[in-house]
Protein backbone atom coordinates (compact mmCIF):
# COMPACT_ATOMS: atom_id res chain seq x y z
CA MET A 1 0.00 0.00 0.00
CA THR A 2 1.21 3.50 -0.80
CA THR A 3 0.65 6.38 1.62
CA ALA A 4 1.16 10.05 0.75
CA THR A 5 0.76 12.93 3.19
CA LEU A 6 0.70 16.65 2.63
CA GLU A 7 3.47 18.46 4.49
CA ARG A 8 3.11 22.02 3.24
CA ARG A 9 0.89 23.83 0.77
CA LEU A 10 2.28 26.51 -1.49
CA ALA A 11 1.33 29.81 0.11
CA GLU A 12 1.43 31.85 -3.09
CA PHE A 13 -1.07 29.69 -4.99
CA PRO A 14 -4.75 29.62 -4.05
CA ALA A 15 -6.46 26.30 -3.36
CA VAL A 16 -8.38 25.24 -6.45
CA GLU A 17 -9.54 21.88 -7.72
CA THR A 18 -6.24 20.10 -6.94
CA ALA A 19 -3.90 20.55 -4.01
CA GLU A 20 -0.37 21.67 -4.79
CA PHE A 21 2.38 20.10 -2.74
CA ARG A 22 5.93 21.15 -1.80
CA SER A 23 6.74 17.67 -0.52
CA ILE A 24 5.20 14.22 -0.41
CA ASP A 25 6.02 11.49 2.12
CA LEU A 26 5.73 7.94 0.78
CA GLU A 27 5.84 4.56 2.42
CA PHE A 28 5.78 1.29 0.48
CA SER A 29 5.16 -2.21 1.75
CA THR A 30 6.69 -3.99 -1.27
CA ALA A 31 9.60 -3.25 -3.60
CA ASP A 32 7.26 -3.53 -6.59
CA GLU A 33 5.38 -0.42 -5.46
CA VAL A 34 8.46 1.81 -5.15
CA HIS A 35 9.12 2.62 -8.81
CA ALA A 36 5.54 3.47 -9.75
CA GLY A 37 4.95 5.36 -6.51
CA LEU A 38 8.05 7.53 -6.89
CA ASP A 39 7.26 8.21 -10.56
CA THR A 40 3.77 9.40 -9.61
CA ALA A 41 5.08 11.65 -6.82
CA VAL A 42 7.75 13.19 -9.07
CA ALA A 43 5.16 13.82 -11.82
CA THR A 44 2.92 15.55 -9.29
CA LEU A 45 5.71 17.88 -8.16
CA ILE A 46 6.86 18.59 -11.72
CA GLU A 47 3.53 20.33 -12.30
CA THR A 48 4.07 22.54 -9.24
CA ALA A 49 7.74 23.25 -10.04
CA ALA A 50 6.91 24.28 -13.61
CA LYS A 51 4.71 27.13 -12.37
CA ASP A 52 7.57 29.20 -10.95
CA ALA A 53 10.63 27.49 -12.52
CA ALA A 54 12.70 28.19 -9.40
CA CYS A 55 13.65 24.73 -8.15
CA GLY A 56 14.06 21.08 -8.96
CA ILE A 57 13.02 17.89 -7.18
CA LEU A 58 14.90 15.94 -4.52
CA VAL A 59 14.00 12.30 -3.82
CA THR A 60 15.32 11.16 -0.43
CA ARG A 61 15.33 7.55 0.77
CA LEU A 62 14.83 7.76 4.53
CA HIS A 63 14.96 4.00 5.13
CA PRO A 64 13.84 0.93 3.18
CA GLY A 65 10.33 1.58 1.93
CA ARG A 66 10.18 5.20 3.16
CA TYR A 67 10.84 8.19 0.87
CA THR A 68 10.30 11.93 0.68
CA VAL A 69 9.89 13.64 -2.69
CA ALA A 70 10.24 17.43 -2.37
CA LEU A 71 10.78 20.64 -4.27
CA ASP A 72 14.29 21.83 -3.39
CA GLU A 73 15.94 25.13 -4.30
CA SER A 74 19.40 23.53 -4.23
CA VAL A 75 18.36 21.36 -7.20
CA PRO A 76 18.35 23.20 -10.55
CA PHE A 77 15.00 23.63 -12.26
CA GLY A 78 14.25 20.77 -14.62
CA GLU A 79 16.38 18.24 -12.72
CA THR A 80 15.64 15.51 -10.19
CA TYR A 81 18.30 14.44 -7.69
CA GLU A 82 18.35 11.38 -5.47
CA ASN A 83 19.65 11.26 -1.92
CA ILE A 84 19.98 8.65 0.84
CA ALA A 85 19.50 9.98 4.37
CA ALA A 86 22.32 9.18 6.77
């Protein structure tokens, strides 16, 4: 099962039909879910990042099965970086 939670909403964009996210927390129970789940989260944040073109996306593996996908100003616009938390 995949779980996503909203951490922060973008303050400068009004709430409309869809929520816009700055980061998404994901937890997967099987390895088969990881690839599709991360692809979906990145695609969701690409839409938000494209609106202001000020940052890229950072995917962080927190521990096996647990990830955070977030907009990050240290990542150039149009790029996605991967990181493993210490």
